[in-house]
N, C-alpha and C. Protein backbone atom coordinates (compact mmCIF):
# COMPACT_ATOMS: atom_id res chain seq x y z
N UNK A 1 5.36 5.91 12.55
CA UNK A 1 4.63 5.12 11.46
C UNK A 1 5.83 4.98 10.53
N UNK A 2 5.73 3.56 10.22
CA UNK A 2 6.73 3.14 9.03
C UNK A 2 5.97 2.42 7.92
N UNK A 3 6.52 2.73 6.79
CA UNK A 3 6.06 2.04 5.59
C UNK A 3 6.91 0.73 5.68
N UNK A 4 6.06 -0.33 5.84
CA UNK A 4 6.61 -1.56 5.78
C UNK A 4 6.48 -2.46 4.68
N UNK A 5 5.67 -1.99 3.50
CA UNK A 5 5.72 -2.57 2.15
C UNK A 5 5.31 -1.67 1.33
N UNK A 6 5.89 -1.83 -0.05
CA UNK A 6 5.52 -1.02 -1.16
C UNK A 6 5.20 -1.89 -2.27
N UNK A 7 4.17 -1.94 -3.06
CA UNK A 7 3.79 -2.64 -4.11
C UNK A 7 3.78 -1.63 -5.37
N UNK A 8 4.56 -1.90 -6.28
CA UNK A 8 4.49 -1.18 -7.50
C UNK A 8 4.04 -1.78 -8.72
N UNK A 9 3.07 -1.22 -9.47
CA UNK A 9 2.62 -1.68 -10.68
C UNK A 9 2.76 -0.69 -11.91
N UNK A 10 3.54 -0.95 -12.58
CA UNK A 10 4.16 -0.26 -13.81
C UNK A 10 3.13 0.01 -14.63
N UNK A 11 2.99 1.29 -15.27
CA UNK A 11 2.09 1.38 -16.47
C UNK A 11 2.88 1.33 -17.72
N UNK A 12 2.21 0.38 -18.54
CA UNK A 12 2.92 0.19 -19.79
C UNK A 12 2.72 1.17 -20.82
N UNK A 13 1.49 1.86 -20.88
CA UNK A 13 1.22 2.65 -22.03
C UNK A 13 1.88 4.01 -21.90
N UNK A 14 2.04 4.69 -22.87
CA UNK A 14 2.64 5.97 -23.17
C UNK A 14 1.74 6.95 -22.09
N UNK A 15 2.28 8.06 -21.67
CA UNK A 15 1.42 9.06 -20.84
C UNK A 15 2.25 9.57 -19.55
N UNK A 16 1.71 10.35 -18.81
CA UNK A 16 2.21 10.91 -17.70
C UNK A 16 2.42 10.13 -16.49
N UNK A 17 1.32 9.17 -16.39
CA UNK A 17 1.13 8.09 -15.18
C UNK A 17 2.02 7.14 -15.46
N UNK A 18 3.09 6.97 -14.62
CA UNK A 18 3.98 5.76 -14.74
C UNK A 18 3.71 4.75 -14.04
N UNK A 19 3.07 4.77 -12.90
CA UNK A 19 2.80 3.52 -11.93
C UNK A 19 1.60 3.79 -10.96
N UNK A 20 0.98 2.77 -10.56
CA UNK A 20 0.14 2.85 -9.40
C UNK A 20 0.85 2.07 -8.26
N UNK A 21 0.90 2.62 -7.11
CA UNK A 21 1.45 2.10 -6.03
C UNK A 21 0.48 2.00 -4.84
N UNK A 22 0.80 0.90 -3.91
CA UNK A 22 0.06 0.52 -2.68
C UNK A 22 1.11 0.56 -1.82
N UNK A 23 0.88 1.04 -0.54
CA UNK A 23 1.92 1.12 0.53
C UNK A 23 1.26 0.54 1.89
N UNK A 24 1.85 -0.17 2.50
CA UNK A 24 1.42 -0.62 3.96
C UNK A 24 2.01 0.00 5.07
N UNK A 25 1.39 0.50 5.94
CA UNK A 25 2.00 1.26 7.14
C UNK A 25 1.88 0.23 8.49
N UNK A 26 2.98 0.29 8.97
CA UNK A 26 3.17 -0.55 10.21
C UNK A 26 2.55 -2.06 10.06
N UNK A 27 2.64 -2.75 8.98
CA UNK A 27 2.04 -3.93 8.71
C UNK A 27 0.61 -4.06 9.09
N UNK A 28 -0.12 -2.90 9.28
CA UNK A 28 -1.45 -2.87 9.59
C UNK A 28 -2.45 -2.17 8.77
N UNK A 29 -2.02 -1.16 8.08
CA UNK A 29 -2.85 -0.39 7.33
C UNK A 29 -2.52 -0.17 5.72
N UNK A 30 -3.21 -0.21 4.78
CA UNK A 30 -2.79 -0.15 3.37
C UNK A 30 -3.58 1.03 2.69
N UNK A 31 -2.83 1.72 1.80
CA UNK A 31 -3.25 2.77 1.15
C UNK A 31 -3.05 2.50 -0.43
N UNK A 32 -4.13 2.18 -1.18
CA UNK A 32 -3.95 1.89 -2.55
C UNK A 32 -4.12 3.00 -3.42
N UNK A 33 -3.78 2.93 -4.83
CA UNK A 33 -4.13 3.90 -5.78
C UNK A 33 -3.15 5.27 -5.61
N UNK A 34 -2.02 5.13 -5.21
CA UNK A 34 -1.15 6.21 -5.17
C UNK A 34 -0.43 6.37 -6.62
N UNK A 35 -0.57 7.43 -7.20
CA UNK A 35 0.06 7.54 -8.54
C UNK A 35 1.41 8.11 -8.71
N UNK A 36 2.27 7.47 -9.36
CA UNK A 36 3.52 7.93 -9.77
C UNK A 36 3.40 8.79 -11.07
N UNK A 37 3.67 10.00 -11.28
CA UNK A 37 3.43 10.83 -12.23
C UNK A 37 4.52 11.50 -12.79
N UNK A 38 4.97 11.57 -14.17
CA UNK A 38 5.89 12.42 -14.55
C UNK A 38 5.72 13.85 -14.80
N UNK A 39 6.12 14.75 -14.19
CA UNK A 39 5.65 16.28 -14.26
C UNK A 39 7.13 16.94 -14.99
N UNK A 40 6.72 18.05 -15.20
CA UNK A 40 7.77 18.95 -15.83
C UNK A 40 9.15 19.13 -15.07
N UNK A 41 8.92 18.89 -13.57
CA UNK A 41 10.14 18.90 -12.83
C UNK A 41 10.69 17.62 -12.31
N UNK A 42 10.19 16.40 -13.11
CA UNK A 42 10.47 15.03 -12.66
C UNK A 42 9.27 14.34 -11.86
N UNK A 43 9.68 13.29 -11.51
CA UNK A 43 8.46 12.34 -10.89
C UNK A 43 8.01 12.88 -9.74
N UNK A 44 6.69 12.65 -9.36
CA UNK A 44 6.09 13.00 -7.97
C UNK A 44 5.07 12.10 -7.82
N UNK A 45 4.41 12.02 -6.68
CA UNK A 45 3.26 11.24 -6.37
C UNK A 45 1.85 11.91 -6.18
N UNK A 46 0.77 11.29 -6.51
CA UNK A 46 -0.35 12.06 -6.25
C UNK A 46 -1.17 10.77 -5.41
N UNK A 47 -1.69 11.47 -4.29
CA UNK A 47 -2.54 10.53 -3.39
C UNK A 47 -3.74 10.07 -3.86
N UNK A 48 -4.41 9.10 -3.43
CA UNK A 48 -5.79 8.62 -3.97
C UNK A 48 -6.81 9.53 -3.84
N UNK A 49 -7.61 9.89 -4.79
CA UNK A 49 -8.43 10.89 -4.77
C UNK A 49 -9.98 10.44 -5.67
N UNK A 50 -10.86 11.15 -5.44
CA UNK A 50 -12.11 10.89 -5.95
C UNK A 50 -12.61 12.28 -6.41
N UNK A 51 -13.52 12.20 -7.41
CA UNK A 51 -14.31 13.46 -7.92
C UNK A 51 -15.47 13.82 -6.98
N UNK A 52 -15.45 15.09 -6.49
CA UNK A 52 -16.48 15.72 -5.74
C UNK A 52 -17.64 16.00 -6.69
N UNK A 53 -18.68 16.39 -6.12
CA UNK A 53 -19.87 16.77 -6.76
C UNK A 53 -19.78 18.06 -7.67
N UNK A 54 -18.75 18.96 -7.10
CA UNK A 54 -18.36 20.23 -7.66
C UNK A 54 -17.55 19.99 -8.90
N UNK A 55 -16.98 18.79 -9.16
CA UNK A 55 -16.14 18.49 -10.17
C UNK A 55 -14.56 18.57 -9.99
N UNK A 56 -14.36 18.95 -8.79
CA UNK A 56 -12.92 19.02 -8.20
C UNK A 56 -12.60 17.73 -7.70
N UNK A 57 -11.37 17.17 -7.76
CA UNK A 57 -10.77 16.12 -7.25
C UNK A 57 -10.13 16.33 -5.95
N UNK A 58 -10.65 15.45 -5.09
CA UNK A 58 -10.23 15.68 -3.50
C UNK A 58 -9.63 14.31 -3.15
N UNK A 59 -8.48 14.61 -2.40
CA UNK A 59 -7.66 13.32 -1.73
C UNK A 59 -8.50 12.51 -0.81
N UNK A 60 -8.44 11.34 -1.02
CA UNK A 60 -9.27 10.41 -0.04
C UNK A 60 -8.45 10.24 1.23
N UNK A 61 -6.97 10.03 1.03
CA UNK A 61 -6.04 9.72 2.13
C UNK A 61 -4.87 10.65 1.81
N UNK A 62 -4.30 11.34 2.75
CA UNK A 62 -3.10 12.06 2.38
C UNK A 62 -2.33 12.44 3.74
N UNK A 63 -0.97 12.63 3.52
CA UNK A 63 -0.20 13.13 4.77
C UNK A 63 -0.68 14.47 5.26
N UNK A 64 -0.54 14.45 6.60
CA UNK A 64 -0.87 15.73 7.29
C UNK A 64 0.10 16.82 7.21
N UNK A 65 1.53 16.41 7.01
CA UNK A 65 2.39 17.48 7.01
C UNK A 65 3.47 17.31 5.72
N UNK A 66 4.35 18.13 5.33
CA UNK A 66 5.13 18.07 4.18
C UNK A 66 6.27 17.04 4.54
N UNK A 67 6.69 17.00 5.84
CA UNK A 67 7.81 15.94 6.33
C UNK A 67 7.27 14.50 6.01
N UNK A 68 5.97 14.24 6.40
CA UNK A 68 5.59 12.99 5.99
C UNK A 68 5.35 12.72 4.50
N UNK A 69 4.65 13.69 3.68
CA UNK A 69 4.52 13.62 2.39
C UNK A 69 5.90 13.45 1.81
N UNK A 70 6.97 14.06 2.11
CA UNK A 70 8.37 13.96 1.48
C UNK A 70 8.93 12.50 1.70
N UNK A 71 8.69 12.18 2.97
CA UNK A 71 9.08 10.64 3.32
C UNK A 71 8.47 9.65 2.52
N UNK A 72 7.12 9.65 2.31
CA UNK A 72 6.25 8.67 1.58
C UNK A 72 6.76 8.84 0.13
N UNK A 73 6.94 10.05 -0.38
CA UNK A 73 7.26 10.25 -1.89
C UNK A 73 8.56 9.65 -2.05
N UNK A 74 9.65 9.87 -1.06
CA UNK A 74 10.92 9.42 -1.41
C UNK A 74 11.19 7.96 -1.31
N UNK A 75 10.28 7.12 -0.43
CA UNK A 75 10.14 5.59 -0.42
C UNK A 75 9.50 5.25 -1.63
N UNK A 76 8.27 5.72 -1.87
CA UNK A 76 7.62 5.33 -3.17
C UNK A 76 8.53 5.49 -4.42
N UNK A 77 9.27 6.53 -4.75
CA UNK A 77 9.95 6.87 -5.94
C UNK A 77 11.18 5.99 -5.96
N UNK A 78 11.91 5.46 -4.75
CA UNK A 78 13.01 4.83 -4.64
C UNK A 78 12.34 3.34 -5.07
N UNK A 79 11.34 2.87 -4.61
CA UNK A 79 10.75 1.56 -5.02
C UNK A 79 10.43 1.52 -6.32
N UNK A 80 9.88 2.64 -7.09
CA UNK A 80 9.67 2.64 -8.58
C UNK A 80 10.81 2.45 -9.20
N UNK A 81 11.89 3.23 -9.01
CA UNK A 81 13.10 3.03 -9.56
C UNK A 81 13.69 1.77 -9.63
N UNK A 82 13.57 1.07 -8.57
CA UNK A 82 13.83 -0.31 -8.44
C UNK A 82 13.20 -1.29 -9.24
N UNK A 83 11.91 -0.99 -9.51
CA UNK A 83 10.79 -1.76 -10.19
C UNK A 83 11.22 -1.51 -11.63
N UNK A 84 11.74 -0.44 -12.10
CA UNK A 84 12.18 -0.03 -13.51
C UNK A 84 13.30 -1.21 -13.83
N UNK A 85 14.09 -1.48 -12.96
CA UNK A 85 15.30 -2.29 -13.17
C UNK A 85 14.94 -3.77 -13.31
N UNK A 86 13.68 -4.12 -12.82
CA UNK A 86 13.37 -5.43 -12.79
C UNK A 86 12.65 -5.95 -14.15
N UNK A 87 13.02 -7.17 -14.81
CA UNK A 87 12.33 -7.69 -16.06
C UNK A 87 10.88 -7.67 -15.97
N UNK A 88 10.41 -7.40 -17.25
CA UNK A 88 8.87 -7.41 -17.35
C UNK A 88 8.45 -8.85 -17.09
N UNK A 89 7.41 -9.02 -16.33
CA UNK A 89 6.76 -10.34 -16.19
C UNK A 89 5.86 -10.64 -17.42
N UNK A 90 5.83 -11.86 -17.79
CA UNK A 90 5.00 -12.25 -18.96
C UNK A 90 3.70 -12.63 -18.55
N UNK A 91 2.66 -12.01 -19.23
CA UNK A 91 1.32 -12.29 -19.04
C UNK A 91 0.81 -13.49 -19.61
């Protein structure tokens, strides 16, 4: 499985959430709404989730093992850092 595309939407307002990311896997499958979050130990990603009936948030899509999570996080954070260097688009 290869990440073949990463789309970063930077968040302009103040707060811990810095970007929303979509990744494409093998040019065939897309995962939207991955969050880039500034934590106490630096940036990390949070997979898309929804609120369950018990009030807990549960991931909708997520890597099965830590190696896959680390690979996805590395690629997303590298893309986020590149996006920070790009000029803001006028709306």
